[in-house]
Amino acid sequence: MNSATLSYRIYPLGDAAITIEFGTAINAAINKEVVTRFQQLLQNPFQGMIEIIPAYSTLTICYDIVKVRKKYPVGTSAFEIVKNIVEEKLQQPVPHFKAVERLIKIPVCYDDEFAADLQNLSVAKNISKEAIVKIHTSKNYKVYMLGFLPGFAYMGEVDEQITMPRKIQPAPISAGSVGIAGVQTGIYPFASPGGWQIIGRTPLKLFNADREEPAQLRAGDYVQFYSISKEDYTKQENDSLF
């Protein structure tokens, strides 16, 4: 799939950003296109480009209006200039920009102490907590995007047997908590109010501002969760350098 055949629309986001929308659904093929084009622009930026933000099915590009207008002909808006540049790039095949797909294995302790909503999920779905853990750890999850909190990875899709809607009222959530919201699963890198159904916690620190690449996960990665004991959780939490 490439943008020459994939439908999209381009629209301004404020006066210094542009968004390319490939759809409105959670779709692995569309997200792969988003990540591929993200890599393309990172490696071949246009003058005035500041930042690129990939999401499920959109790519937002922030740019410096002054630099764009200095580099390119006058007589049109900065948005139109950037839109034309983007459309040219979208028509280019990018096989050499194929995204590197990493598999990141993340330990999770599903002990009741760290799984505030596991029992409720068990009752709602009429399956044991052990079965939920087995299902949650049985597949690899694609990281579609980062957002909400620095380093918070939105991943999917969970097996329909364990899908659960968000809570009506947000509750305090500890750093490292692993949750489910609809067909998504994710990890809270920091303590925060949140509405996801919490089923476990990882001892890994998923965001460190002092590192060259602060977030341990990035869009396009795949995550495999594996279950650990409470004792292993405590040990790994103490030993974790990230």
C-alpha atoms as a PDB file:
ATOM      1  CA  MET A   1       0.000   0.000   0.000  1.00  0.00           C
ATOM      2  CA  ASN A   2       1.296   3.489  -0.809  1.00  0.00           C
ATOM      3  CA  SER A   3      -0.104   6.969  -0.892  1.00  0.00           C
ATOM      4  CA  ALA A   4      -0.472   6.927  -4.668  1.00  0.00           C
ATOM      5  CA  THR A   5      -3.425   4.520  -4.175  1.00  0.00           C
ATOM      6  CA  LEU A   6      -4.351   5.281  -0.550  1.00  0.00           C
ATOM      7  CA  SER A   7      -6.889   8.080  -0.208  1.00  0.00           C
ATOM      8  CA  TYR A   8      -5.999  10.977   2.030  1.00  0.00           C
ATOM      9  CA  ARG A   9      -6.856  14.572   2.762  1.00  0.00           C
ATOM     10  CA  ILE A  10      -4.619  17.438   3.826  1.00  0.00           C
ATOM     11  CA  TYR A  11      -5.779  20.294   6.018  1.00  0.00           C
ATOM     12  CA  PRO A  12      -4.213  23.077   8.116  1.00  0.00           C
ATOM     13  CA  LEU A  13      -3.867  22.681  11.866  1.00  0.00           C
ATOM     14  CA  GLY A  14      -3.598  26.232  13.105  1.00  0.00           C
ATOM     15  CA  ASP A  15      -1.377  28.608  11.148  1.00  0.00           C
ATOM     16  CA  ALA A  16       1.918  26.680  11.407  1.00  0.00           C
ATOM     17  CA  ALA A  17       1.036  23.008  11.013  1.00  0.00           C
ATOM     18  CA  ILE A  18      -0.457  20.720   8.411  1.00  0.00           C
ATOM     19  CA  THR A  19      -2.135  17.330   8.866  1.00  0.00           C
ATOM     20  CA  ILE A  20      -2.321  14.433   6.429  1.00  0.00           C
ATOM     21  CA  GLU A  21      -5.275  12.192   7.244  1.00  0.00           C
ATOM     22  CA  PHE A  22      -5.323   8.692   5.720  1.00  0.00           C
ATOM     23  CA  GLY A  23      -8.482   7.597   7.524  1.00  0.00           C
ATOM     24  CA  THR A  24     -10.300   7.651  10.842  1.00  0.00           C
ATOM     25  CA  ALA A  25     -10.031   4.035  12.013  1.00  0.00           C
ATOM     26  CA  ILE A  26      -7.422   1.943  13.802  1.00  0.00           C
ATOM     27  CA  ASN A  27      -5.891   0.071  10.875  1.00  0.00           C
ATOM     28  CA  ALA A  28      -2.464  -1.597  10.762  1.00  0.00           C
ATOM     29  CA  ALA A  29      -1.933  -1.012   7.035  1.00  0.00           C
ATOM     30  CA  ILE A  30      -2.810   2.683   7.278  1.00  0.00           C
ATOM     31  CA  ASN A  31      -0.620   3.130  10.340  1.00  0.00           C
ATOM     32  CA  LYS A  32       2.279   1.464   8.525  1.00  0.00           C
ATOM     33  CA  GLU A  33       1.913   4.078   5.789  1.00  0.00           C
ATOM     34  CA  VAL A  34       1.910   6.832   8.432  1.00  0.00           C
ATOM     35  CA  VAL A  35       5.095   5.483  10.031  1.00  0.00           C
ATOM     36  CA  THR A  36       6.794   5.010   6.654  1.00  0.00           C
ATOM     37  CA  ARG A  37       6.041   8.591   5.596  1.00  0.00           C
ATOM     38  CA  PHE A  38       7.171   9.774   9.021  1.00  0.00           C
ATOM     39  CA  GLN A  39      10.565   8.143   8.379  1.00  0.00           C
ATOM     40  CA  GLN A  40      10.677   9.595   4.866  1.00  0.00           C
ATOM     41  CA  LEU A  41      10.233  13.143   6.130  1.00  0.00           C
ATOM     42  CA  LEU A  42      12.653  12.656   9.012  1.00  0.00           C
ATOM     43  CA  GLN A  43      15.384  11.597   6.613  1.00  0.00           C
ATOM     44  CA  ASN A  44      14.539  14.152   3.925  1.00  0.00           C
ATOM     45  CA  PRO A  45      13.056  17.196   5.673  1.00  0.00           C
ATOM     46  CA  PHE A  46      12.095  20.317   3.756  1.00  0.00           C
ATOM     47  CA  GLN A  47      13.441  23.694   4.800  1.00  0.00           C
ATOM     48  CA  GLY A  48      11.349  25.128   7.600  1.00  0.00           C
ATOM     49  CA  MET A  49      10.081  21.788   8.924  1.00  0.00           C
ATOM     50  CA  ILE A  50      10.193  21.725  12.732  1.00  0.00           C
ATOM     51  CA  GLU A  51       8.507  18.553  13.957  1.00  0.00           C
ATOM     52  CA  ILE A  52       6.512  15.558  12.701  1.00  0.00           C
ATOM     53  CA  ILE A  53       3.897  13.856  14.848  1.00  0.00           C
ATOM     54  CA  PRO A  54       2.588  10.433  13.771  1.00  0.00           C
ATOM     55  CA  ALA A  55      -0.751   9.180  15.078  1.00  0.00           C
ATOM     56  CA  TYR A  56      -3.063   6.242  14.282  1.00  0.00           C
ATOM     57  CA  SER A  57      -4.012   7.427  10.814  1.00  0.00           C
ATOM     58  CA  THR A  58      -2.639  10.952  10.590  1.00  0.00           C
ATOM     59  CA  LEU A  59       0.694  12.682  10.254  1.00  0.00           C
ATOM     60  CA  THR A  60       1.011  16.262  11.493  1.00  0.00           C
ATOM     61  CA  ILE A  61       3.897  18.451  10.327  1.00  0.00           C
ATOM     62  CA  CYS A  62       4.819  21.633  12.187  1.00  0.00           C
ATOM     63  CA  TYR A  63       6.755  24.242  10.249  1.00  0.00           C
ATOM     64  CA  ASP A  64       8.376  27.677  10.569  1.00  0.00           C
ATOM     65  CA  ILE A  65       6.327  30.095   8.456  1.00  0.00           C
ATOM     66  CA  VAL A  66       9.182  32.595   8.058  1.00  0.00           C
ATOM     67  CA  LYS A  67      11.661  29.970   6.845  1.00  0.00           C
ATOM     68  CA  VAL A  68       9.121  28.484   4.449  1.00  0.00           C
ATOM     69  CA  ARG A  69       8.348  31.873   2.916  1.00  0.00           C
ATOM     70  CA  LYS A  70      12.043  32.753   2.601  1.00  0.00           C
ATOM     71  CA  LYS A  71      12.895  29.514   0.801  1.00  0.00           C
ATOM     72  CA  TYR A  72       9.949  29.239  -1.568  1.00  0.00           C
ATOM     73  CA  PRO A  73       8.303  31.668  -4.031  1.00  0.00           C
ATOM     74  CA  VAL A  74       6.019  34.374  -2.720  1.00  0.00           C
ATOM     75  CA  GLY A  75       2.480  34.856  -3.893  1.00  0.00           C
ATOM     76  CA  THR A  76       0.893  31.997  -1.984  1.00  0.00           C
ATOM     77  CA  SER A  77       0.355  31.052   1.645  1.00  0.00           C
ATOM     78  CA  ALA A  78       2.817  29.022   3.702  1.00  0.00           C
ATOM     79  CA  PHE A  79       0.121  26.349   4.020  1.00  0.00           C
ATOM     80  CA  GLU A  80      -0.228  26.033   0.234  1.00  0.00           C
ATOM     81  CA  ILE A  81       3.549  25.849  -0.154  1.00  0.00           C
ATOM     82  CA  VAL A  82       3.866  23.071   2.437  1.00  0.00           C
ATOM     83  CA  LYS A  83       0.791  21.284   1.058  1.00  0.00           C
ATOM     84  CA  ASN A  84       2.389  21.171  -2.408  1.00  0.00           C
ATOM     85  CA  ILE A  85       5.660  19.848  -0.967  1.00  0.00           C
ATOM     86  CA  VAL A  86       3.825  17.165   0.985  1.00  0.00           C
ATOM     87  CA  GLU A  87       1.727  16.094  -1.995  1.00  0.00           C
ATOM     88  CA  GLU A  88       4.862  15.705  -4.111  1.00  0.00           C
ATOM     89  CA  LYS A  89       6.410  13.505  -1.447  1.00  0.00           C
ATOM     90  CA  LEU A  90       3.254  11.412  -1.128  1.00  0.00           C
ATOM     91  CA  GLN A  91       3.493  10.520  -4.807  1.00  0.00           C
ATOM     92  CA  GLN A  92       7.014   9.188  -4.353  1.00  0.00           C
ATOM     93  CA  PRO A  93       7.460   5.470  -3.629  1.00  0.00           C
ATOM     94  CA  VAL A  94       9.556   4.984  -0.522  1.00  0.00           C
ATOM     95  CA  PRO A  95      10.802   1.369  -0.412  1.00  0.00           C
ATOM     96  CA  HIS A  96      14.151   2.511   0.976  1.00  0.00           C
ATOM     97  CA  PHE A  97      12.358   4.198   3.890  1.00  0.00           C
ATOM     98  CA  LYS A  98      10.762   0.974   5.090  1.00  0.00           C
ATOM     99  CA  ALA A  99      10.264   1.325   8.818  1.00  0.00           C
ATOM    100  CA  VAL A 100      12.327  -0.883  11.106  1.00  0.00           C
ATOM    101  CA  GLU A 101       9.935  -2.986  13.162  1.00  0.00           C
ATOM    102  CA  ARG A 102      11.369  -3.698  16.612  1.00  0.00           C
ATOM    103  CA  LEU A 103       9.947  -6.278  19.004  1.00  0.00           C
ATOM    104  CA  ILE A 104      10.168  -5.034  22.587  1.00  0.00           C
ATOM    105  CA  LYS A 105       9.496  -7.535  25.381  1.00  0.00           C
ATOM    106  CA  ILE A 106       7.990  -5.969  28.477  1.00  0.00           C
ATOM    107  CA  PRO A 107       7.609  -7.727  31.835  1.00  0.00           C
ATOM    108  CA  VAL A 108       4.320  -7.226  33.651  1.00  0.00           C
ATOM    109  CA  CYS A 109       3.265  -8.278  37.127  1.00  0.00           C
ATOM    110  CA  TYR A 110      -0.451  -9.079  37.124  1.00  0.00           C
ATOM    111  CA  ASP A 111      -0.592  -9.481  40.912  1.00  0.00           C
ATOM    112  CA  ASP A 112      -3.741  -8.069  42.537  1.00  0.00           C
ATOM    113  CA  GLU A 113      -1.672  -5.315  44.174  1.00  0.00           C
ATOM    114  CA  PHE A 114      -0.860  -3.899  40.728  1.00  0.00           C
ATOM    115  CA  ALA A 115      -4.085  -4.825  38.922  1.00  0.00           C
ATOM    116  CA  ALA A 116      -6.873  -2.677  40.328  1.00  0.00           C
ATOM    117  CA  ASP A 117      -9.373  -3.612  37.614  1.00  0.00           C
ATOM    118  CA  LEU A 118      -8.438  -7.210  36.835  1.00  0.00           C
ATOM    119  CA  GLN A 119     -11.147  -8.660  39.084  1.00  0.00           C
ATOM    120  CA  ASN A 120     -13.829  -6.403  37.568  1.00  0.00           C
ATOM    121  CA  LEU A 121     -12.715  -7.428  34.084  1.00  0.00           C
ATOM    122  CA  SER A 122     -12.853 -11.078  35.122  1.00  0.00           C
ATOM    123  CA  VAL A 123     -16.414 -10.712  36.369  1.00  0.00           C
ATOM    124  CA  ALA A 124     -17.560  -8.642  33.380  1.00  0.00           C
ATOM    125  CA  LYS A 125     -16.161 -11.129  30.869  1.00  0.00           C
ATOM    126  CA  ASN A 126     -16.918 -14.260  32.915  1.00  0.00           C
ATOM    127  CA  ILE A 127     -13.374 -15.576  32.559  1.00  0.00           C
ATOM    128  CA  SER A 128     -10.703 -16.169  35.171  1.00  0.00           C
ATOM    129  CA  LYS A 129      -7.955 -13.679  35.938  1.00  0.00           C
ATOM    130  CA  GLU A 130      -5.433 -16.309  34.875  1.00  0.00           C
ATOM    131  CA  ALA A 131      -7.157 -16.588  31.486  1.00  0.00           C
ATOM    132  CA  ILE A 132      -7.073 -12.806  31.045  1.00  0.00           C
ATOM    133  CA  VAL A 133      -3.328 -12.772  31.688  1.00  0.00           C
ATOM    134  CA  LYS A 134      -2.818 -15.623  29.242  1.00  0.00           C
ATOM    135  CA  ILE A 135      -4.829 -13.838  26.555  1.00  0.00           C
ATOM    136  CA  HIS A 136      -3.106 -10.494  27.152  1.00  0.00           C
ATOM    137  CA  THR A 137       0.352 -12.049  26.848  1.00  0.00           C
ATOM    138  CA  SER A 138      -0.506 -14.286  23.878  1.00  0.00           C
ATOM    139  CA  LYS A 139       0.069 -11.809  21.050  1.00  0.00           C
ATOM    140  CA  ASN A 140       2.284  -8.957  19.891  1.00  0.00           C
ATOM    141  CA  TYR A 141       0.811  -5.462  19.964  1.00  0.00           C
ATOM    142  CA  LYS A 142       1.645  -2.750  17.467  1.00  0.00           C
ATOM    143  CA  VAL A 143       2.578   0.678  18.824  1.00  0.00           C
ATOM    144  CA  TYR A 144       0.350   2.931  16.757  1.00  0.00           C
ATOM    145  CA  MET A 145       1.291   6.237  18.323  1.00  0.00           C
ATOM    146  CA  LEU A 146       2.618   8.058  21.389  1.00  0.00           C
ATOM    147  CA  GLY A 147       0.545  10.650  23.178  1.00  0.00           C
ATOM    148  CA  PHE A 148      -1.515  11.728  26.198  1.00  0.00           C
ATOM    149  CA  LEU A 149       1.621  11.562  28.396  1.00  0.00           C
ATOM    150  CA  PRO A 150       5.259  11.648  27.213  1.00  0.00           C
ATOM    151  CA  GLY A 151       6.100   8.097  26.175  1.00  0.00           C
ATOM    152  CA  PHE A 152       2.534   6.768  26.521  1.00  0.00           C
ATOM    153  CA  ALA A 153       2.193   4.154  23.765  1.00  0.00           C
ATOM    154  CA  TYR A 154      -1.197   3.358  22.276  1.00  0.00           C
ATOM    155  CA  MET A 155      -1.101  -0.299  21.223  1.00  0.00           C
ATOM    156  CA  GLY A 156      -3.521  -2.726  19.666  1.00  0.00           C
ATOM    157  CA  GLU A 157      -5.521  -4.603  19.168  1.00  0.00           C
ATOM    158  CA  VAL A 158      -6.399  -6.727  22.185  1.00  0.00           C
ATOM    159  CA  ASP A 159      -8.392  -9.939  21.819  1.00  0.00           C
ATOM    160  CA  GLU A 160     -12.136  -9.224  21.857  1.00  0.00           C
ATOM    161  CA  GLN A 161     -12.467 -11.545  24.866  1.00  0.00           C
ATOM    162  CA  ILE A 162     -10.801  -8.928  27.077  1.00  0.00           C
ATOM    163  CA  THR A 163     -11.913  -5.635  25.522  1.00  0.00           C
ATOM    164  CA  MET A 164     -13.334  -3.196  28.076  1.00  0.00           C
ATOM    165  CA  PRO A 165     -14.527   0.407  27.774  1.00  0.00           C
ATOM    166  CA  ARG A 166     -12.821   3.223  29.614  1.00  0.00           C
ATOM    167  CA  LYS A 167     -14.018   4.043  33.094  1.00  0.00           C
ATOM    168  CA  ILE A 168     -16.684   6.721  33.360  1.00  0.00           C
ATOM    169  CA  GLN A 169     -14.673   8.575  35.997  1.00  0.00           C
ATOM    170  CA  PRO A 170     -10.836   8.813  35.838  1.00  0.00           C
ATOM    171  CA  ALA A 171      -8.929   7.417  38.819  1.00  0.00           C
ATOM    172  CA  PRO A 172      -5.337   7.877  40.070  1.00  0.00           C
ATOM    173  CA  ILE A 173      -3.004   5.483  38.240  1.00  0.00           C
ATOM    174  CA  SER A 174       0.576   4.564  39.181  1.00  0.00           C
ATOM    175  CA  ALA A 175       3.545   4.804  36.822  1.00  0.00           C
ATOM    176  CA  GLY A 176       4.118   1.595  34.891  1.00  0.00           C
ATOM    177  CA  SER A 177       0.470   0.537  35.029  1.00  0.00           C
ATOM    178  CA  VAL A 178      -0.720  -1.546  32.091  1.00  0.00           C
ATOM    179  CA  GLY A 179      -4.292  -0.993  31.014  1.00  0.00           C
ATOM    180  CA  ILE A 180      -6.996  -1.750  28.483  1.00  0.00           C
ATOM    181  CA  ALA A 181      -9.401   0.703  26.854  1.00  0.00           C
ATOM    182  CA  GLY A 182     -11.622  -0.704  24.140  1.00  0.00           C
ATOM    183  CA  VAL A 183      -9.405  -2.625  21.733  1.00  0.00           C
ATOM    184  CA  GLN A 184      -6.299  -0.765  22.898  1.00  0.00           C
ATOM    185  CA  THR A 185      -3.715  -1.596  25.521  1.00  0.00           C
ATOM    186  CA  GLY A 186      -1.159   0.830  26.918  1.00  0.00           C
ATOM    187  CA  ILE A 187       1.325   1.638  29.669  1.00  0.00           C
ATOM    188  CA  TYR A 188       1.278   4.733  31.867  1.00  0.00           C
ATOM    189  CA  PRO A 189       4.884   6.033  31.964  1.00  0.00           C
ATOM    190  CA  PHE A 190       4.017   8.404  34.818  1.00  0.00           C
ATOM    191  CA  ALA A 191       1.524   8.532  37.663  1.00  0.00           C
ATOM    192  CA  SER A 192      -1.586  10.233  36.315  1.00  0.00           C
ATOM    193  CA  PRO A 193      -5.360  10.304  36.498  1.00  0.00           C
ATOM    194  CA  GLY A 194      -6.721   7.973  33.836  1.00  0.00           C
ATOM    195  CA  GLY A 195      -9.702   5.956  32.706  1.00  0.00           C
ATOM    196  CA  TRP A 196      -8.076   2.773  31.426  1.00  0.00           C
ATOM    197  CA  GLN A 197      -8.831  -0.584  33.055  1.00  0.00           C
ATOM    198  CA  ILE A 198      -5.630  -1.482  34.943  1.00  0.00           C
ATOM    199  CA  ILE A 199      -4.629  -5.155  34.797  1.00  0.00           C
ATOM    200  CA  GLY A 200      -0.946  -5.077  35.813  1.00  0.00           C
ATOM    201  CA  ARG A 201       2.242  -3.067  36.138  1.00  0.00           C
ATOM    202  CA  THR A 202       5.700  -3.144  34.590  1.00  0.00           C
ATOM    203  CA  PRO A 203       8.874  -2.343  36.544  1.00  0.00           C
ATOM    204  CA  LEU A 204      10.423  -0.724  33.453  1.00  0.00           C
ATOM    205  CA  LYS A 205      10.720   3.042  33.220  1.00  0.00           C
ATOM    206  CA  LEU A 206       9.432   3.871  29.759  1.00  0.00           C
ATOM    207  CA  PHE A 207      10.427   7.538  29.628  1.00  0.00           C
ATOM    208  CA  ASN A 208      13.625   9.270  30.707  1.00  0.00           C
ATOM    209  CA  ALA A 209      14.144  12.874  29.619  1.00  0.00           C
ATOM    210  CA  ASP A 210      17.914  12.565  30.137  1.00  0.00           C
ATOM    211  CA  ARG A 211      18.308  10.015  27.361  1.00  0.00           C
ATOM    212  CA  GLU A 212      18.971  10.918  23.720  1.00  0.00           C
ATOM    213  CA  GLU A 213      15.764   9.059  22.834  1.00  0.00           C
ATOM    214  CA  PRO A 214      13.607   9.651  25.941  1.00  0.00           C
ATOM    215  CA  ALA A 215      10.780   7.243  25.090  1.00  0.00           C
ATOM    216  CA  GLN A 216      11.642   3.556  25.106  1.00  0.00           C
ATOM    217  CA  LEU A 217       8.838   2.792  22.655  1.00  0.00           C
ATOM    218  CA  ARG A 218       8.162   4.446  19.321  1.00  0.00           C
ATOM    219  CA  ALA A 219       5.497   4.263  16.633  1.00  0.00           C
ATOM    220  CA  GLY A 220       5.924   1.156  14.511  1.00  0.00           C
ATOM    221  CA  ASP A 221       7.338  -1.019  17.294  1.00  0.00           C
ATOM    222  CA  TYR A 222       5.725  -4.251  18.411  1.00  0.00           C
ATOM    223  CA  VAL A 223       5.364  -5.107  22.094  1.00  0.00           C
ATOM    224  CA  GLN A 224       5.181  -8.530  23.674  1.00  0.00           C
ATOM    225  CA  PHE A 225       4.105  -8.644  27.312  1.00  0.00           C
ATOM    226  CA  TYR A 226       5.205 -11.480  29.561  1.00  0.00           C
ATOM    227  CA  SER A 227       4.104 -12.261  33.091  1.00  0.00           C
ATOM    228  CA  ILE A 228       6.466 -11.987  36.083  1.00  0.00           C
ATOM    229  CA  SER A 229       6.051 -12.602  39.795  1.00  0.00           C
ATOM    230  CA  LYS A 230       5.826  -9.904  42.433  1.00  0.00           C
ATOM    231  CA  GLU A 231       9.342 -10.825  43.586  1.00  0.00           C
ATOM    232  CA  ASP A 232      10.714 -10.440  40.061  1.00  0.00           C
ATOM    233  CA  TYR A 233       8.874  -7.142  39.761  1.00  0.00           C
ATOM    234  CA  THR A 234      10.610  -5.788  42.865  1.00  0.00           C
ATOM    235  CA  LYS A 235      14.022  -6.984  41.690  1.00  0.00           C
ATOM    236  CA  GLN A 236      13.639  -5.588  38.170  1.00  0.00           C
ATOM    237  CA  GLU A 237      12.293  -2.310  39.493  1.00  0.00           C
ATOM    238  CA  ASN A 238      15.451  -1.912  41.583  1.00  0.00           C
ATOM    239  CA  ASP A 239      17.720  -3.001  38.722  1.00  0.00           C
ATOM    240  CA  SER A 240      16.052  -0.980  35.958  1.00  0.00           C
ATOM    241  CA  LEU A 241      18.342   1.630  34.449  1.00  0.00           C
ATOM    242  CA  PHE A 242      15.810   3.134  32.051  1.00  0.00           C
END
